[in-house]
């Protein structure tokens, strides 16, 4: 089973197709880069896969099921321009945001979530940045 299967995807803005007939299969464990010039539809493709923009036709499956049923398996970090980088939040806070889907609206991250977030930062060599305000990081 693939991590991602996109079949015959078409996305349109105001009846004007911007992506059409897209087929994409990404096996589990594969690191994928989507490259192309500005305006080629890279962000639109990702947003369509996440249900953030409407799909005119086609389907997206994550591990064999529609995204709506698998959203807990997916993390999405928007482009730099769509984030308020001056908001007083730390790198650790941003990593902890990944727990919100599991915790729900009322519960706050506790010791177990903080421990898992720090382990994730350690895994990518970023523990020293945990307390840093997000605007102090590079865009990359």
N, C-alpha and C. Protein backbone atom coordinates (compact mmCIF):
# COMPACT_ATOMS: atom_id res chain seq x y z
N UNK A 1 0.85 -1.18 0.00
CA UNK A 1 0.00 0.00 0.00
C UNK A 1 0.89 1.24 0.00
N UNK A 2 0.52 2.23 -0.76
CA UNK A 2 1.26 3.48 -0.84
C UNK A 2 0.87 4.42 0.28
N UNK A 3 1.79 5.32 0.63
CA UNK A 3 1.48 6.36 1.61
C UNK A 3 0.48 7.34 1.00
N UNK A 4 0.68 7.67 -0.27
CA UNK A 4 -0.19 8.63 -0.97
C UNK A 4 -0.54 8.07 -2.35
N UNK A 5 -1.82 8.15 -2.69
CA UNK A 5 -2.29 7.83 -4.04
C UNK A 5 -3.22 8.95 -4.49
N UNK A 6 -2.83 9.61 -5.55
CA UNK A 6 -3.66 10.65 -6.17
C UNK A 6 -4.04 10.13 -7.54
N UNK A 7 -5.34 10.13 -7.82
CA UNK A 7 -5.83 9.56 -9.07
C UNK A 7 -6.70 10.56 -9.81
N UNK A 8 -6.29 10.90 -11.04
CA UNK A 8 -7.08 11.74 -11.94
C UNK A 8 -7.55 13.03 -11.27
N UNK A 9 -6.67 13.67 -10.52
CA UNK A 9 -7.01 14.87 -9.76
C UNK A 9 -7.08 16.10 -10.67
N UNK A 10 -8.18 16.83 -10.56
CA UNK A 10 -8.33 18.11 -11.23
C UNK A 10 -8.77 19.13 -10.20
N UNK A 11 -8.10 20.28 -10.22
CA UNK A 11 -8.43 21.39 -9.32
C UNK A 11 -8.69 22.61 -10.19
N UNK A 12 -9.78 23.30 -9.88
CA UNK A 12 -10.13 24.50 -10.65
C UNK A 12 -10.45 25.63 -9.69
N UNK A 13 -10.08 26.83 -10.10
CA UNK A 13 -10.48 28.04 -9.39
C UNK A 13 -11.43 28.79 -10.30
N UNK A 14 -12.68 28.96 -9.84
CA UNK A 14 -13.72 29.66 -10.62
C UNK A 14 -13.84 29.07 -12.03
N UNK A 15 -14.00 27.80 -12.11
CA UNK A 15 -14.20 27.07 -13.37
C UNK A 15 -12.98 27.06 -14.29
N UNK A 16 -11.85 27.56 -13.83
CA UNK A 16 -10.63 27.52 -14.63
C UNK A 16 -9.70 26.46 -14.05
N UNK A 17 -9.48 25.36 -14.77
CA UNK A 17 -8.60 24.32 -14.24
C UNK A 17 -7.17 24.84 -14.08
N UNK A 18 -6.59 24.56 -12.91
CA UNK A 18 -5.20 24.94 -12.67
C UNK A 18 -4.30 23.70 -12.57
N UNK A 19 -4.89 22.58 -12.22
CA UNK A 19 -4.25 21.26 -12.26
C UNK A 19 -5.25 20.31 -12.88
N UNK A 20 -4.80 19.43 -13.75
CA UNK A 20 -5.74 18.48 -14.32
C UNK A 20 -5.06 17.14 -14.57
N UNK A 21 -5.86 16.10 -14.37
CA UNK A 21 -5.45 14.72 -14.63
C UNK A 21 -4.15 14.33 -13.92
N UNK A 22 -4.02 14.74 -12.68
CA UNK A 22 -2.81 14.43 -11.91
C UNK A 22 -2.92 13.03 -11.33
N UNK A 23 -1.91 12.21 -11.57
CA UNK A 23 -1.78 10.90 -10.96
C UNK A 23 -0.44 10.87 -10.23
N UNK A 24 -0.47 10.43 -8.99
CA UNK A 24 0.74 10.41 -8.18
C UNK A 24 0.65 9.26 -7.18
N UNK A 25 1.68 8.45 -7.11
CA UNK A 25 1.77 7.40 -6.10
C UNK A 25 3.09 7.56 -5.37
N UNK A 26 3.01 7.61 -4.05
CA UNK A 26 4.20 7.75 -3.22
C UNK A 26 4.25 6.57 -2.26
N UNK A 27 5.21 5.67 -2.46
CA UNK A 27 5.32 4.53 -1.55
C UNK A 27 5.66 4.97 -0.13
N UNK A 28 5.26 4.20 0.84
CA UNK A 28 5.59 4.46 2.23
C UNK A 28 7.11 4.49 2.40
N UNK A 29 7.59 5.46 3.15
CA UNK A 29 9.01 5.58 3.44
C UNK A 29 9.82 6.36 2.43
N UNK A 30 9.18 6.83 1.36
CA UNK A 30 9.88 7.59 0.32
C UNK A 30 9.86 9.07 0.66
N UNK A 31 10.99 9.73 0.49
CA UNK A 31 11.08 11.18 0.63
C UNK A 31 10.85 11.78 -0.75
N UNK A 32 9.87 12.66 -0.87
CA UNK A 32 9.47 13.20 -2.16
C UNK A 32 9.64 14.71 -2.17
N UNK A 33 10.16 15.25 -3.24
CA UNK A 33 10.24 16.69 -3.44
C UNK A 33 9.36 17.04 -4.63
N UNK A 34 8.59 18.10 -4.48
CA UNK A 34 7.78 18.61 -5.58
C UNK A 34 8.44 19.91 -6.01
N UNK A 35 8.98 19.92 -7.21
CA UNK A 35 9.73 21.09 -7.68
C UNK A 35 9.09 21.65 -8.94
N UNK A 36 9.31 22.92 -9.16
CA UNK A 36 8.81 23.57 -10.36
C UNK A 36 8.83 25.07 -10.17
N UNK A 37 8.59 25.81 -11.24
CA UNK A 37 8.62 27.27 -11.15
C UNK A 37 7.43 27.82 -10.37
N UNK A 38 7.54 29.08 -9.95
CA UNK A 38 6.41 29.74 -9.29
C UNK A 38 5.18 29.66 -10.19
N UNK A 39 4.05 29.37 -9.58
CA UNK A 39 2.80 29.32 -10.35
C UNK A 39 2.54 28.00 -11.03
N UNK A 40 3.39 27.01 -10.82
CA UNK A 40 3.22 25.72 -11.49
C UNK A 40 2.14 24.85 -10.84
N UNK A 41 1.74 25.19 -9.60
CA UNK A 41 0.69 24.43 -8.95
C UNK A 41 1.15 23.53 -7.81
N UNK A 42 2.38 23.69 -7.36
CA UNK A 42 2.92 22.83 -6.29
C UNK A 42 2.10 22.97 -5.01
N UNK A 43 1.89 24.20 -4.58
CA UNK A 43 1.13 24.44 -3.35
C UNK A 43 -0.33 24.05 -3.54
N UNK A 44 -0.88 24.32 -4.70
CA UNK A 44 -2.27 23.94 -4.97
C UNK A 44 -2.44 22.43 -4.88
N UNK A 45 -1.48 21.68 -5.41
CA UNK A 45 -1.53 20.22 -5.32
C UNK A 45 -1.57 19.77 -3.87
N UNK A 46 -0.66 20.30 -3.06
CA UNK A 46 -0.61 19.90 -1.65
C UNK A 46 -1.90 20.30 -0.94
N UNK A 47 -2.37 21.52 -1.17
CA UNK A 47 -3.60 21.97 -0.53
C UNK A 47 -4.80 21.13 -0.96
N UNK A 48 -4.84 20.72 -2.22
CA UNK A 48 -5.93 19.86 -2.68
C UNK A 48 -5.86 18.50 -2.00
N UNK A 49 -4.66 17.97 -1.86
CA UNK A 49 -4.50 16.68 -1.19
C UNK A 49 -4.96 16.74 0.26
N UNK A 50 -4.84 17.92 0.89
CA UNK A 50 -5.23 18.10 2.28
C UNK A 50 -6.67 18.60 2.44
N UNK A 51 -7.37 18.77 1.33
CA UNK A 51 -8.75 19.24 1.40
C UNK A 51 -8.87 20.72 1.71
N UNK A 52 -7.80 21.49 1.53
CA UNK A 52 -7.82 22.91 1.80
C UNK A 52 -8.32 23.73 0.63
N UNK A 53 -8.30 23.15 -0.56
CA UNK A 53 -8.94 23.74 -1.73
C UNK A 53 -9.82 22.66 -2.36
N UNK A 54 -10.93 23.05 -2.96
CA UNK A 54 -11.84 22.04 -3.50
C UNK A 54 -11.25 21.29 -4.70
N UNK A 55 -11.59 20.03 -4.78
CA UNK A 55 -11.18 19.18 -5.90
C UNK A 55 -12.34 19.11 -6.88
N UNK A 56 -12.08 19.40 -8.15
CA UNK A 56 -13.12 19.33 -9.17
C UNK A 56 -13.43 17.88 -9.53
N UNK A 57 -12.38 17.04 -9.59
CA UNK A 57 -12.58 15.61 -9.85
C UNK A 57 -11.35 14.85 -9.39
N UNK A 58 -11.50 13.55 -9.29
CA UNK A 58 -10.40 12.70 -8.86
C UNK A 58 -10.49 12.38 -7.39
N UNK A 59 -9.47 11.69 -6.91
CA UNK A 59 -9.47 11.32 -5.49
C UNK A 59 -8.05 11.30 -4.95
N UNK A 60 -7.98 11.46 -3.62
CA UNK A 60 -6.72 11.40 -2.88
C UNK A 60 -6.90 10.39 -1.77
N UNK A 61 -5.95 9.48 -1.66
CA UNK A 61 -5.98 8.51 -0.57
C UNK A 61 -4.65 8.54 0.17
N UNK A 62 -4.74 8.49 1.47
CA UNK A 62 -3.57 8.42 2.35
C UNK A 62 -3.62 7.05 3.02
N UNK A 63 -2.61 6.25 2.77
CA UNK A 63 -2.58 4.87 3.29
C UNK A 63 -3.90 4.14 3.04
N UNK A 64 -4.42 4.29 1.82
CA UNK A 64 -5.57 3.52 1.39
C UNK A 64 -6.93 4.05 1.78
N UNK A 65 -6.99 5.22 2.39
CA UNK A 65 -8.28 5.78 2.80
C UNK A 65 -8.31 7.28 2.49
N UNK A 66 -9.50 7.87 2.39
CA UNK A 66 -9.59 9.31 2.14
C UNK A 66 -8.88 10.10 3.23
N UNK A 67 -8.35 11.24 2.84
CA UNK A 67 -7.62 12.09 3.79
C UNK A 67 -8.44 12.37 5.05
N UNK A 68 -9.73 12.62 4.92
CA UNK A 68 -10.58 12.94 6.07
C UNK A 68 -10.49 11.87 7.16
N UNK A 69 -10.30 10.63 6.77
CA UNK A 69 -10.18 9.54 7.76
C UNK A 69 -8.75 9.34 8.25
N UNK A 70 -7.78 9.93 7.55
CA UNK A 70 -6.37 9.70 7.87
C UNK A 70 -5.65 10.96 8.32
N UNK A 71 -6.38 12.04 8.52
CA UNK A 71 -5.72 13.33 8.80
C UNK A 71 -4.80 13.28 10.01
N UNK A 72 -5.03 12.39 10.96
CA UNK A 72 -4.16 12.30 12.13
C UNK A 72 -2.76 11.81 11.76
N UNK A 73 -2.60 11.24 10.57
CA UNK A 73 -1.30 10.75 10.11
C UNK A 73 -0.49 11.79 9.35
N UNK A 74 -1.10 12.96 9.12
CA UNK A 74 -0.48 13.95 8.23
C UNK A 74 -0.19 15.23 9.00
N UNK A 75 1.01 15.77 8.77
CA UNK A 75 1.38 17.08 9.30
C UNK A 75 1.60 18.02 8.13
N UNK A 76 1.20 19.26 8.30
CA UNK A 76 1.34 20.25 7.23
C UNK A 76 1.90 21.54 7.82
N UNK A 77 2.97 22.03 7.25
CA UNK A 77 3.55 23.32 7.65
C UNK A 77 3.40 24.24 6.44
N UNK A 78 2.61 25.31 6.58
CA UNK A 78 2.37 26.20 5.44
C UNK A 78 3.62 26.99 5.06
N UNK A 79 3.56 27.58 3.88
CA UNK A 79 4.66 28.41 3.42
C UNK A 79 4.88 29.60 4.35
N UNK A 80 6.07 30.10 4.33
CA UNK A 80 6.47 31.19 5.21
C UNK A 80 5.50 32.37 5.17
N UNK A 81 4.99 32.72 4.02
CA UNK A 81 4.12 33.88 3.88
C UNK A 81 2.77 33.74 4.54
N UNK A 82 2.36 32.53 4.91
CA UNK A 82 1.04 32.34 5.49
C UNK A 82 1.07 32.20 7.01
N UNK A 83 2.21 32.49 7.62
CA UNK A 83 2.38 32.36 9.07
C UNK A 83 2.72 33.73 9.64
N UNK A 84 2.15 34.07 10.80
CA UNK A 84 2.52 35.30 11.50
C UNK A 84 3.79 35.00 12.28
N UNK A 85 4.93 35.30 11.68
CA UNK A 85 6.23 34.94 12.27
C UNK A 85 6.57 35.77 13.49
N UNK A 86 5.83 36.84 13.75
CA UNK A 86 6.08 37.65 14.93
C UNK A 86 5.26 37.19 16.13
N UNK A 87 4.35 36.25 15.92
CA UNK A 87 3.55 35.73 17.02
C UNK A 87 4.50 35.09 18.04
N UNK A 88 4.32 35.38 19.32
CA UNK A 88 5.27 34.88 20.32
C UNK A 88 5.12 33.38 20.59
N UNK A 89 5.64 32.59 19.71
CA UNK A 89 5.57 31.14 19.87
C UNK A 89 6.96 30.57 19.62
N UNK A 90 7.28 29.50 20.34
CA UNK A 90 8.60 28.90 20.23
C UNK A 90 8.58 27.70 19.28
N UNK A 91 9.77 27.24 18.97
CA UNK A 91 9.90 26.04 18.14
C UNK A 91 9.20 24.86 18.82
N UNK A 92 9.40 24.71 20.12
CA UNK A 92 8.73 23.62 20.84
C UNK A 92 7.21 23.75 20.76
N UNK A 93 6.69 24.97 20.88
CA UNK A 93 5.25 25.19 20.74
C UNK A 93 4.73 24.70 19.39
N UNK A 94 5.49 24.99 18.34
CA UNK A 94 5.08 24.58 16.99
C UNK A 94 5.08 23.06 16.88
N UNK A 95 6.08 22.41 17.42
CA UNK A 95 6.11 20.94 17.38
C UNK A 95 4.95 20.37 18.19
N UNK A 96 4.65 20.98 19.32
CA UNK A 96 3.52 20.53 20.14
C UNK A 96 2.17 20.68 19.42
N UNK A 97 2.10 21.60 18.47
CA UNK A 97 0.86 21.76 17.70
C UNK A 97 0.49 20.47 16.99
N UNK A 98 1.47 19.64 16.72
CA UNK A 98 1.20 18.35 16.09
C UNK A 98 0.39 17.42 16.97
N UNK A 99 0.28 17.72 18.26
CA UNK A 99 -0.51 16.88 19.17
C UNK A 99 -1.95 17.32 19.30
N UNK A 100 -2.28 18.51 18.79
CA UNK A 100 -3.62 19.05 18.98
C UNK A 100 -4.72 18.17 18.39
N UNK A 101 -4.45 17.57 17.25
CA UNK A 101 -5.46 16.71 16.63
C UNK A 101 -5.85 15.55 17.52
N UNK A 102 -4.89 15.02 18.24
CA UNK A 102 -5.15 13.89 19.14
C UNK A 102 -5.75 14.36 20.47
N UNK A 103 -5.30 15.51 20.95
CA UNK A 103 -5.76 16.01 22.24
C UNK A 103 -7.16 16.63 22.18
N UNK A 104 -7.51 17.20 21.04
CA UNK A 104 -8.80 17.89 20.92
C UNK A 104 -8.66 19.36 21.31
N UNK A 105 -9.80 20.04 21.36
CA UNK A 105 -9.81 21.49 21.57
C UNK A 105 -9.56 21.89 23.02
N UNK A 106 -9.92 21.04 23.97
CA UNK A 106 -9.89 21.46 25.37
C UNK A 106 -8.60 21.08 26.07
N UNK A 107 -8.12 19.87 25.84
CA UNK A 107 -6.90 19.41 26.53
C UNK A 107 -5.67 20.13 26.03
N UNK A 108 -4.73 20.33 26.93
CA UNK A 108 -3.46 20.97 26.58
C UNK A 108 -2.36 19.92 26.62
N UNK A 109 -1.30 20.11 25.86
CA UNK A 109 -0.20 19.15 25.90
C UNK A 109 0.39 19.06 27.31
N UNK A 110 0.67 17.83 27.74
CA UNK A 110 1.25 17.60 29.06
C UNK A 110 2.67 17.09 28.95
N UNK A 111 3.13 16.45 30.00
CA UNK A 111 4.51 15.96 30.07
C UNK A 111 4.81 14.94 28.97
N UNK A 112 3.87 14.04 28.71
CA UNK A 112 4.10 13.02 27.68
C UNK A 112 4.25 13.65 26.30
N UNK A 113 3.42 14.63 25.99
CA UNK A 113 3.49 15.31 24.70
C UNK A 113 4.78 16.13 24.59
N UNK A 114 5.17 16.80 25.68
CA UNK A 114 6.42 17.58 25.67
C UNK A 114 7.63 16.65 25.47
N UNK A 115 7.60 15.52 26.12
CA UNK A 115 8.69 14.55 25.98
C UNK A 115 8.78 14.05 24.53
N UNK A 116 7.65 13.74 23.94
CA UNK A 116 7.63 13.27 22.55
C UNK A 116 8.09 14.38 21.60
N UNK A 117 7.69 15.62 21.87
CA UNK A 117 8.09 16.75 21.03
C UNK A 117 9.61 16.97 21.12
N UNK A 118 10.14 16.88 22.32
CA UNK A 118 11.59 17.04 22.48
C UNK A 118 12.33 15.89 21.79
N UNK A 119 11.78 14.69 21.85
CA UNK A 119 12.40 13.55 21.15
C UNK A 119 12.40 13.79 19.64
N UNK A 120 11.31 14.37 19.14
CA UNK A 120 11.24 14.68 17.71
C UNK A 120 12.28 15.73 17.34
N UNK A 121 12.43 16.75 18.17
CA UNK A 121 13.44 17.77 17.91
C UNK A 121 14.85 17.17 17.97
N UNK A 122 15.05 16.26 18.91
CA UNK A 122 16.35 15.60 19.01
C UNK A 122 16.65 14.78 17.76
N UNK A 123 15.62 14.12 17.25
CA UNK A 123 15.77 13.28 16.06
C UNK A 123 16.28 14.08 14.86
N UNK A 124 15.88 15.33 14.77
CA UNK A 124 16.30 16.16 13.64
C UNK A 124 17.39 17.17 14.01
N UNK A 125 18.00 16.97 15.19
CA UNK A 125 19.11 17.80 15.60
C UNK A 125 18.74 19.24 15.93
N UNK A 126 17.55 19.45 16.50
CA UNK A 126 17.10 20.83 16.77
C UNK A 126 16.78 21.10 18.23
N UNK A 127 17.23 20.26 19.15
CA UNK A 127 16.90 20.48 20.56
C UNK A 127 17.38 21.84 21.07
N UNK A 128 18.51 22.31 20.57
CA UNK A 128 19.03 23.60 21.03
C UNK A 128 18.16 24.77 20.60
N UNK A 129 17.23 24.54 19.66
CA UNK A 129 16.35 25.60 19.18
C UNK A 129 14.96 25.56 19.83
N UNK A 130 14.71 24.64 20.74
CA UNK A 130 13.38 24.43 21.31
C UNK A 130 12.76 25.70 21.89
N UNK A 131 13.56 26.51 22.57
CA UNK A 131 13.03 27.72 23.22
C UNK A 131 13.12 28.95 22.33
N UNK A 132 13.61 28.79 21.12
CA UNK A 132 13.79 29.93 20.22
C UNK A 132 12.46 30.36 19.61
N UNK A 133 12.23 31.66 19.52
CA UNK A 133 11.03 32.20 18.88
C UNK A 133 11.10 31.87 17.39
N UNK A 134 9.97 31.49 16.80
CA UNK A 134 9.98 30.96 15.44
C UNK A 134 10.54 31.92 14.39
N UNK A 135 10.41 33.22 14.62
CA UNK A 135 10.94 34.17 13.61
C UNK A 135 12.46 34.17 13.58
N UNK A 136 13.10 33.56 14.57
CA UNK A 136 14.55 33.53 14.63
C UNK A 136 15.15 32.36 13.84
N UNK A 137 14.29 31.57 13.20
CA UNK A 137 14.77 30.47 12.36
C UNK A 137 14.84 30.93 10.91
N UNK A 138 15.64 30.24 10.14
CA UNK A 138 15.68 30.53 8.70
C UNK A 138 14.44 29.95 8.04
N UNK A 139 14.10 30.42 6.87
CA UNK A 139 12.94 29.90 6.14
C UNK A 139 13.10 28.47 5.70
N UNK A 140 14.33 28.00 5.57
CA UNK A 140 14.57 26.63 5.12
C UNK A 140 14.49 25.64 6.23
